[in-house]
Amino acid sequence: MKKIFLFETPSDAVGHGIGTYANQLIEALAEKESFFKLYFVKIVFNEVDDFSIRKINVNVEEIKISFKDKLIKPNVEVPIKPILARKIFCLLGEFFNDPVDVVFHLNFVLQYELGKLAKEYDFKLIYTNHVSLWRVFYENDYEKFLKEWNNAAPKDDKEKMRVTSIQFEKKMYQIADQVICLNEDSKSFMKKHYGENAIEKLSLIANGLNLKSPVKKLNVTAQKKKMGFDEDAFIFLFAGRMNKQKGLDLLIKTFGKLLKKIPNAKLLIVGAGDFGVYTKMCADFCGSVVFAGYVDKSKINNYYAIANVGLVPSFTEQSSYVVLEMLSNQLPIIVSDIPAFEKPFRDKINVLKAETDSLGRVDEKSLATQMLNLYKNPELRNNLSKNGKTLFEAHFTARHMAERTIQLYLS
């Protein structure tokens, strides 16, 4: 029987995309035949050393390894150093049998030392590339990336950090047996810059979301009233981390300029981040903007249910779980016209796309036009809603993601 070890180490992303990825994969694997065992290995740092195991479902067990370290704050990214990696291996040793049957599935560049040890033991190594580092570090400026990537002597510590991080990504690519890319853009980048064995090594598997059983239909009017919205409020919803990368600053600016044309509109912002920065931006129209803060996954569908339009004006994405949640909830959405939202996303068919510049920044006029278009056109909203759900079911279910991933585990 194959034994798969899926690792989670401390990171801010655990509470967002990467954490959702692991949870959705684990949930989908519960439906599969028991010809493998997956161990979800969670590494945490707190006040005591501890080791515990609990059963999640018929195919999955969680192994939680706690290391005593009071100085490390929760959700701060922690690189797994060589000595720590060997400690983890020692603690997991009883679960290893024939190397042929052991698979390590890593999700962070900072887990590189675990990958190195896995190859020393002749384990199969799979790496999922959740973040396009060059796009994040260089804000989509490809020429700037190339200049620093080819520079033998970094000019300062910031440049050195950027280049070193991407070099680690390349090293992870080189030692992995299989690399999962979440979109075609990341796959093309790795093929071009990391090169070797790209055809055999790279697989495109988009994120997937589990289809939930239908629940009692929500009374939208009552829910809007409960949340403090008027019955006739037209709600534009932004969900995700509040940062520049997600395009929230441009969205707030655009919304403020549109209010004269759509006076009953509200901008509902769901997510964590620096509230001080964004509340200042909407000081002149603060009565039309609602900050809900971080919302637990168990309650997020209530917000999708009352919204009229979803907004995802990101500069860069991989395979956005927010988009998948909106599609599955039949919420018409506007996305930025960036590589992550190329095929199978089709403008005016299953989404609306706002134009962007060469650096992925949303054009305010284009975004305003699309927002006004959906505000005025209920038929278009209805068509996008239906076609978006069809798109989700055809390409982005967790079952599809799990089936493709299992193929890599067993190949």
Protein backbone atom coordinates (compact mmCIF):
# COMPACT_ATOMS: atom_id res chain seq x y z
CA MET A 1 0.00 0.00 0.00
CA LYS A 2 1.24 3.46 -0.92
CA LYS A 3 1.90 5.81 1.99
CA ILE A 4 1.62 9.48 1.12
CA PHE A 5 2.89 12.21 3.46
CA LEU A 6 1.31 15.60 2.79
CA PHE A 7 3.13 18.33 4.73
CA GLU A 8 1.87 21.58 6.24
CA THR A 9 4.38 23.90 7.90
CA PRO A 10 3.73 27.35 9.45
CA SER A 11 2.78 30.06 6.99
CA ASP A 12 0.27 32.88 6.65
CA ALA A 13 -1.02 31.06 3.55
CA VAL A 14 -2.15 28.09 5.66
CA GLY A 15 -5.27 30.05 6.64
CA HIS A 16 -5.99 30.83 3.01
CA GLY A 17 -5.24 29.15 -0.35
CA ILE A 18 -2.72 26.48 0.65
CA GLY A 19 -4.67 25.46 3.74
CA THR A 20 -7.84 25.21 1.66
CA TYR A 21 -5.98 23.11 -0.91
CA ALA A 22 -4.94 20.54 1.71
CA ASN A 23 -8.39 20.40 3.29
CA GLN A 24 -10.19 20.02 -0.05
CA LEU A 25 -7.78 17.30 -1.20
CA ILE A 26 -8.16 15.37 2.07
CA GLU A 27 -11.95 15.58 1.95
CA ALA A 28 -12.06 14.37 -1.66
CA LEU A 29 -9.71 11.47 -0.92
CA ALA A 30 -12.21 10.08 1.59
CA GLU A 31 -14.36 8.95 -1.36
CA LYS A 32 -11.59 6.92 -3.00
CA GLU A 33 -10.82 3.22 -2.70
CA SER A 34 -8.47 2.31 0.16
CA PHE A 35 -5.41 1.37 -1.88
CA PHE A 36 -3.33 4.08 -0.20
CA LYS A 37 -2.93 5.81 3.15
CA LEU A 38 -2.39 9.54 3.36
CA TYR A 39 -0.76 11.08 6.42
CA PHE A 40 -1.40 14.80 6.77
CA VAL A 41 1.70 15.96 8.67
CA LYS A 42 1.23 19.30 10.46
CA ILE A 43 4.37 20.90 11.89
CA VAL A 44 3.68 23.50 14.59
CA PHE A 45 5.71 25.48 17.12
CA ASN A 46 4.36 26.20 20.59
CA GLU A 47 5.17 25.79 24.28
CA VAL A 48 5.62 22.00 24.39
CA ASP A 49 7.08 19.15 22.36
CA ASP A 50 4.31 16.79 21.31
CA PHE A 51 3.40 14.08 18.82
CA SER A 52 -0.18 13.00 18.16
CA ILE A 53 -2.19 11.03 15.59
CA ARG A 54 -5.88 11.21 14.80
CA LYS A 55 -8.01 9.61 12.12
CA ILE A 56 -9.66 12.06 9.71
CA ASN A 57 -11.38 9.58 7.39
CA VAL A 58 -10.95 6.04 6.05
CA ASN A 59 -7.95 7.03 3.93
CA VAL A 60 -6.40 9.88 5.92
CA GLU A 61 -4.76 10.32 9.32
CA GLU A 62 -3.38 13.55 10.75
CA ILE A 63 0.04 13.51 12.40
CA LYS A 64 0.67 16.63 14.43
CA ILE A 65 4.27 17.30 15.46
CA SER A 66 4.82 20.14 17.91
CA PHE A 67 8.25 21.61 18.62
CA LYS A 68 8.86 23.74 21.69
CA ASP A 69 9.75 27.25 20.56
CA LYS A 70 8.06 30.24 22.22
CA LEU A 71 9.80 32.76 19.97
CA ILE A 72 8.06 31.71 16.75
CA LYS A 73 4.76 33.51 16.25
CA PRO A 74 1.70 31.69 14.85
CA ASN A 75 1.39 31.55 11.04
CA VAL A 76 4.85 33.08 10.47
CA GLU A 77 6.72 31.33 7.68
CA VAL A 78 9.39 29.07 9.15
CA PRO A 79 12.09 27.47 6.97
CA ILE A 80 12.67 23.81 7.76
CA LYS A 81 16.40 23.67 8.48
CA PRO A 82 18.46 20.48 8.00
CA ILE A 83 18.58 19.48 11.69
CA LEU A 84 14.82 20.02 12.07
CA ALA A 85 14.14 18.01 8.92
CA ARG A 86 16.08 15.07 10.36
CA LYS A 87 14.12 15.31 13.62
CA ILE A 88 10.90 15.11 11.65
CA PHE A 89 12.20 12.08 9.75
CA CYS A 90 13.13 10.32 12.98
CA LEU A 91 9.65 10.90 14.39
CA LEU A 92 8.02 9.58 11.22
CA GLY A 93 10.43 6.64 10.86
CA GLU A 94 7.98 4.02 12.15
CA PHE A 95 5.64 4.81 9.23
CA PHE A 96 8.26 4.25 6.53
CA ASN A 97 8.52 0.79 5.00
CA ASP A 98 9.59 0.02 1.44
CA PRO A 99 10.86 3.30 -0.13
CA VAL A 100 9.00 2.38 -3.31
CA ASP A 101 5.72 2.80 -1.43
CA VAL A 102 6.51 6.18 0.20
CA VAL A 103 5.52 9.52 -1.38
CA PHE A 104 6.32 12.97 0.03
CA HIS A 105 4.04 15.79 -1.11
CA LEU A 106 5.44 19.24 -0.31
CA ASN A 107 3.73 22.62 -0.68
CA PHE A 108 6.29 25.29 0.29
CA VAL A 109 9.74 26.19 -1.00
CA LEU A 110 10.73 26.44 2.69
CA GLN A 111 10.16 22.68 2.98
CA TYR A 112 13.14 22.07 0.67
CA GLU A 113 15.24 20.24 3.29
CA LEU A 114 12.45 17.70 3.75
CA GLY A 115 12.58 17.15 0.00
CA LYS A 116 16.34 16.61 0.06
CA LEU A 117 16.01 13.96 2.76
CA ALA A 118 13.16 12.28 0.90
CA LYS A 119 15.45 11.81 -2.09
CA GLU A 120 18.25 10.48 0.14
CA TYR A 121 15.81 7.76 1.21
CA ASP A 122 14.70 7.17 -2.40
CA PHE A 123 11.14 8.32 -1.67
CA LYS A 124 9.02 9.74 -4.46
CA LEU A 125 8.79 13.54 -4.19
CA ILE A 126 5.88 15.66 -5.42
CA TYR A 127 5.86 19.44 -5.11
CA THR A 128 2.85 21.70 -5.67
CA ASN A 129 3.80 25.21 -6.79
CA HIS A 130 1.17 27.36 -5.06
CA VAL A 131 2.84 30.74 -5.57
CA SER A 132 4.47 32.27 -8.62
CA LEU A 133 7.40 33.85 -6.78
CA TRP A 134 8.68 35.92 -9.67
CA ARG A 135 5.25 37.50 -10.17
CA VAL A 136 4.89 38.32 -6.46
CA PHE A 137 8.43 39.59 -5.89
CA TYR A 138 8.68 41.57 -9.13
CA GLU A 139 5.01 42.57 -9.39
CA ASN A 140 4.75 41.02 -12.88
CA ASP A 141 7.75 43.00 -14.17
CA TYR A 142 9.40 40.29 -16.28
CA GLU A 143 12.24 42.50 -17.48
CA LYS A 144 13.19 43.38 -13.90
CA PHE A 145 13.11 39.69 -13.00
CA LEU A 146 15.39 38.77 -15.90
CA LYS A 147 17.84 41.52 -15.03
CA GLU A 148 18.22 40.35 -11.43
CA TRP A 149 18.04 36.64 -12.29
CA ASN A 150 20.99 37.00 -14.63
CA ASN A 151 22.96 39.30 -12.32
CA ALA A 152 25.84 37.41 -10.70
CA ALA A 153 26.24 40.01 -7.92
CA PRO A 154 22.99 41.23 -6.27
CA LYS A 155 23.20 44.95 -5.46
CA ASP A 156 21.43 44.79 -2.10
CA ASP A 157 19.82 42.47 0.45
CA LYS A 158 16.33 42.79 -1.05
CA GLU A 159 17.54 41.73 -4.47
CA LYS A 160 19.51 38.88 -2.91
CA MET A 161 16.41 37.69 -1.02
CA ARG A 162 14.27 37.69 -4.17
CA VAL A 163 16.81 35.83 -6.27
CA THR A 164 17.68 33.35 -3.52
CA SER A 165 14.01 32.50 -2.96
CA ILE A 166 13.47 31.80 -6.65
CA GLN A 167 16.70 29.76 -6.75
CA PHE A 168 15.23 27.61 -3.96
CA GLU A 169 12.10 27.18 -6.05
CA LYS A 170 14.28 26.00 -8.90
CA LYS A 171 16.13 23.59 -6.57
CA MET A 172 12.81 22.17 -5.40
CA TYR A 173 11.83 21.70 -9.04
CA GLN A 174 15.11 19.92 -9.75
CA ILE A 175 14.85 17.38 -6.92
CA ALA A 176 11.12 16.69 -7.33
CA ASP A 177 9.92 13.73 -9.35
CA GLN A 178 6.70 15.55 -10.21
CA VAL A 179 5.75 19.23 -9.99
CA ILE A 180 2.10 20.25 -9.91
CA CYS A 181 1.39 23.65 -11.47
CA LEU A 182 -1.95 25.30 -10.85
CA ASN A 183 -2.13 27.16 -14.15
CA GLU A 184 -0.55 27.18 -17.59
CA ASP A 185 1.39 30.40 -16.91
CA SER A 186 3.38 28.85 -14.04
CA LYS A 187 3.96 25.70 -16.05
CA SER A 188 5.36 27.72 -18.98
CA PHE A 189 7.63 29.75 -16.67
CA MET A 190 9.13 26.64 -15.06
CA LYS A 191 9.58 24.97 -18.41
CA LYS A 192 11.45 28.00 -19.75
CA HIS A 193 13.63 28.85 -16.73
CA TYR A 194 14.03 25.56 -14.84
CA GLY A 195 14.10 23.49 -17.98
CA GLU A 196 15.27 19.95 -17.52
CA ASN A 197 12.74 17.10 -17.95
CA ALA A 198 9.90 19.61 -18.11
CA ILE A 199 7.63 17.44 -20.26
CA GLU A 200 7.89 14.44 -17.92
CA LYS A 201 8.01 16.42 -14.68
CA LEU A 202 5.34 19.15 -14.97
CA SER A 203 1.63 18.47 -14.52
CA LEU A 204 -1.17 21.01 -14.70
CA ILE A 205 -3.76 20.35 -11.99
CA ALA A 206 -5.96 23.31 -11.05
CA ASN A 207 -7.31 23.71 -7.54
CA GLY A 208 -10.61 21.99 -6.83
CA LEU A 209 -13.47 22.57 -4.44
CA ASN A 210 -15.80 19.98 -2.93
CA LEU A 211 -19.41 20.26 -3.98
CA LYS A 212 -21.42 20.51 -0.78
CA SER A 213 -24.79 18.84 -0.34
CA PRO A 214 -27.64 21.31 -0.81
CA VAL A 215 -28.58 23.05 2.41
CA LYS A 216 -31.81 24.77 3.36
CA LYS A 217 -32.18 27.75 1.01
CA LEU A 218 -31.12 30.94 2.71
CA ASN A 219 -33.65 33.74 3.07
CA VAL A 220 -31.60 36.43 1.37
CA THR A 221 -33.80 39.29 2.49
CA ALA A 222 -33.62 38.18 6.12
CA GLN A 223 -29.88 37.60 5.90
CA LYS A 224 -29.29 41.07 4.42
CA LYS A 225 -31.35 42.61 7.21
CA LYS A 226 -29.42 40.61 9.81
CA MET A 227 -26.15 41.96 8.42
CA GLY A 228 -27.45 45.54 8.38
CA PHE A 229 -28.10 45.97 4.64
CA ASP A 230 -31.23 47.51 3.14
CA GLU A 231 -33.37 45.14 1.10
CA ASP A 232 -32.64 47.03 -2.14
CA ALA A 233 -28.88 47.29 -1.56
CA PHE A 234 -26.85 46.09 -4.56
CA ILE A 235 -23.83 44.32 -3.05
CA PHE A 236 -20.45 44.06 -4.74
CA LEU A 237 -18.38 41.49 -2.83
CA PHE A 238 -14.60 41.31 -2.45
CA ALA A 239 -13.32 38.26 -0.54
CA GLY A 240 -9.67 37.57 0.25
CA ARG A 241 -6.63 39.03 1.93
CA MET A 242 -6.58 42.80 1.90
CA ASN A 243 -3.35 43.65 0.12
CA LYS A 244 -2.02 45.36 -2.97
CA GLN A 245 -1.58 42.07 -4.82
CA LYS A 246 -5.34 41.50 -4.68
CA GLY A 247 -6.06 44.88 -6.29
CA LEU A 248 -8.19 46.14 -3.41
CA ASP A 249 -6.82 49.69 -3.54
CA LEU A 250 -7.85 50.10 -7.18
CA LEU A 251 -11.21 48.51 -6.46
CA ILE A 252 -12.01 50.94 -3.63
CA LYS A 253 -10.96 53.91 -5.77
CA THR A 254 -13.11 52.71 -8.67
CA PHE A 255 -16.11 52.04 -6.45
CA GLY A 256 -15.94 55.52 -4.95
CA LYS A 257 -16.09 57.13 -8.38
CA LEU A 258 -19.03 54.93 -9.42
CA LEU A 259 -21.28 55.71 -6.47
CA LYS A 260 -22.98 58.70 -8.14
CA LYS A 261 -24.28 56.34 -10.83
CA ILE A 262 -25.17 53.48 -8.44
CA PRO A 263 -26.25 55.16 -5.18
CA ASN A 264 -27.77 51.98 -3.67
CA ALA A 265 -24.53 50.01 -4.14
CA LYS A 266 -22.49 48.66 -1.26
CA LEU A 267 -18.94 47.30 -1.34
CA LEU A 268 -18.67 44.37 1.09
CA ILE A 269 -15.06 43.46 1.90
CA VAL A 270 -14.49 40.08 3.56
CA GLY A 271 -10.97 39.24 4.66
CA ALA A 272 -8.09 40.07 6.96
CA GLY A 273 -5.39 42.67 6.45
CA ASP A 274 -4.36 46.20 7.30
CA PHE A 275 -7.73 47.85 7.92
CA GLY A 276 -6.11 51.22 8.62
CA VAL A 277 -4.76 51.50 5.08
CA TYR A 278 -8.06 50.70 3.38
CA THR A 279 -10.47 52.52 5.68
CA LYS A 280 -8.57 55.75 4.94
CA MET A 281 -9.09 55.19 1.22
CA CYS A 282 -12.87 55.18 1.58
CA ALA A 283 -13.22 57.92 4.23
CA ASP A 284 -15.34 60.10 1.90
CA PHE A 285 -17.84 57.32 1.19
CA CYS A 286 -17.41 55.09 4.25
CA GLY A 287 -21.17 54.56 4.62
CA SER A 288 -21.15 52.57 1.39
CA VAL A 289 -18.23 50.28 2.28
CA VAL A 290 -18.50 47.46 4.84
CA PHE A 291 -15.46 45.66 6.26
CA ALA A 292 -16.53 42.27 7.62
CA GLY A 293 -13.05 41.09 8.62
CA TYR A 294 -11.95 37.47 8.43
CA VAL A 295 -14.90 35.09 8.04
CA ASP A 296 -14.70 31.38 8.85
CA LYS A 297 -15.18 29.03 5.89
CA SER A 298 -18.28 27.60 7.53
CA LYS A 299 -20.02 31.00 7.24
CA ILE A 300 -18.62 32.40 4.01
CA ASN A 301 -21.51 31.10 1.89
CA ASN A 302 -23.86 33.50 3.72
CA TYR A 303 -21.90 36.37 2.21
CA TYR A 304 -21.91 34.87 -1.27
CA ALA A 305 -25.68 34.38 -0.97
CA ILE A 306 -26.48 38.06 -0.34
CA ALA A 307 -24.01 39.43 -2.90
CA ASN A 308 -25.07 40.46 -6.41
CA VAL A 309 -21.61 40.50 -8.00
CA GLY A 310 -18.21 39.10 -6.99
CA LEU A 311 -15.02 41.07 -7.69
CA VAL A 312 -11.53 39.59 -8.14
CA PRO A 313 -9.27 42.40 -9.48
CA SER A 314 -6.00 40.65 -8.53
CA PHE A 315 -2.62 41.51 -10.09
CA THR A 316 -1.55 37.87 -9.83
CA GLU A 317 -3.20 34.58 -8.89
CA GLN A 318 -2.52 30.89 -9.31
CA SER A 319 -5.84 29.07 -9.00
CA SER A 320 -8.04 31.24 -6.83
CA TYR A 321 -10.24 29.46 -4.29
CA VAL A 322 -12.30 32.65 -3.92
CA VAL A 323 -13.19 32.42 -7.61
CA LEU A 324 -14.12 28.74 -7.24
CA GLU A 325 -16.31 29.51 -4.24
CA MET A 326 -18.06 32.30 -6.13
CA LEU A 327 -18.61 30.13 -9.21
CA SER A 328 -19.97 27.23 -7.16
CA ASN A 329 -22.36 29.64 -5.42
CA GLN A 330 -23.54 30.91 -8.83
CA LEU A 331 -22.32 34.43 -8.16
CA PRO A 332 -21.56 36.41 -11.36
CA ILE A 333 -17.98 37.64 -11.18
CA ILE A 334 -15.60 40.18 -12.65
CA VAL A 335 -11.96 39.08 -12.79
CA SER A 336 -8.81 40.83 -13.96
CA ASP A 337 -7.57 39.83 -17.40
CA ILE A 338 -4.40 38.10 -16.17
CA PRO A 339 -2.80 34.74 -17.15
CA ALA A 340 -4.48 32.90 -14.24
CA PHE A 341 -7.87 33.71 -15.75
CA GLU A 342 -7.22 32.64 -19.32
CA LYS A 343 -8.71 29.32 -20.52
CA PRO A 344 -11.25 28.04 -19.54
CA PHE A 345 -12.46 31.46 -18.30
CA ARG A 346 -14.30 33.17 -21.18
CA ASP A 347 -15.13 36.85 -21.17
CA LYS A 348 -18.87 37.61 -21.36
CA ILE A 349 -19.63 33.85 -21.26
CA ASN A 350 -18.81 32.61 -17.75
CA VAL A 351 -17.07 35.71 -16.30
CA LEU A 352 -16.51 39.35 -17.15
CA LYS A 353 -12.90 40.47 -17.51
CA ALA A 354 -11.49 43.88 -16.63
CA GLU A 355 -8.59 44.98 -18.81
CA THR A 356 -5.11 45.20 -17.28
CA ASP A 357 -1.80 46.82 -18.19
CA SER A 358 1.44 44.94 -18.86
CA LEU A 359 2.04 44.59 -15.11
CA GLY A 360 -1.36 43.07 -14.42
CA ARG A 361 -2.82 46.20 -12.84
CA VAL A 362 -6.53 46.58 -13.49
CA ASP A 363 -7.60 49.52 -15.63
CA GLU A 364 -9.99 51.57 -13.49
CA LYS A 365 -12.18 52.63 -16.43
CA SER A 366 -12.52 49.04 -17.62
CA LEU A 367 -13.37 47.81 -14.12
CA ALA A 368 -15.94 50.60 -13.68
CA THR A 369 -17.51 49.77 -17.05
CA GLN A 370 -17.88 46.10 -16.16
CA MET A 371 -19.28 46.87 -12.69
CA LEU A 372 -21.84 49.25 -14.18
CA ASN A 373 -22.64 46.72 -16.90
CA LEU A 374 -23.53 44.03 -14.37
CA TYR A 375 -25.39 46.50 -12.15
CA LYS A 376 -27.70 47.47 -15.02
CA ASN A 377 -28.08 44.08 -16.71
CA PRO A 378 -29.88 41.35 -14.72
CA GLU A 379 -30.00 39.08 -17.79
CA LEU A 380 -26.22 39.17 -18.10
CA ARG A 381 -25.89 38.44 -14.36
CA ASN A 382 -28.19 35.46 -14.75
CA ASN A 383 -26.26 34.07 -17.74
CA LEU A 384 -22.89 34.45 -16.01
CA SER A 385 -24.34 32.79 -12.92
CA LYS A 386 -25.51 29.71 -14.83
CA ASN A 387 -22.45 29.43 -17.06
CA GLY A 388 -20.11 29.99 -14.12
CA LYS A 389 -21.60 27.03 -12.26
CA THR A 390 -21.21 24.90 -15.40
CA LEU A 391 -17.56 25.99 -15.68
CA PHE A 392 -16.95 25.03 -12.05
CA GLU A 393 -18.51 21.60 -12.38
CA ALA A 394 -16.56 20.84 -15.57
CA HIS A 395 -13.09 21.94 -14.42
CA PHE A 396 -12.76 22.79 -10.74
CA THR A 397 -14.23 20.12 -8.48
CA ALA A 398 -12.09 18.60 -5.73
CA ARG A 399 -12.93 15.14 -7.11
CA HIS A 400 -11.22 16.03 -10.38
CA MET A 401 -8.22 17.48 -8.51
CA ALA A 402 -7.96 14.38 -6.28
CA GLU A 403 -8.18 11.94 -9.20
CA ARG A 404 -5.36 13.67 -11.08
CA THR A 405 -3.22 13.91 -7.92
CA ILE A 406 -3.73 10.22 -7.07
CA GLN A 407 -2.49 9.36 -10.56
CA LEU A 408 0.79 11.12 -9.72
CA TYR A 409 1.01 9.39 -6.33
CA LEU A 410 0.66 5.96 -7.92
CA SER A 411 2.59 6.50 -11.15
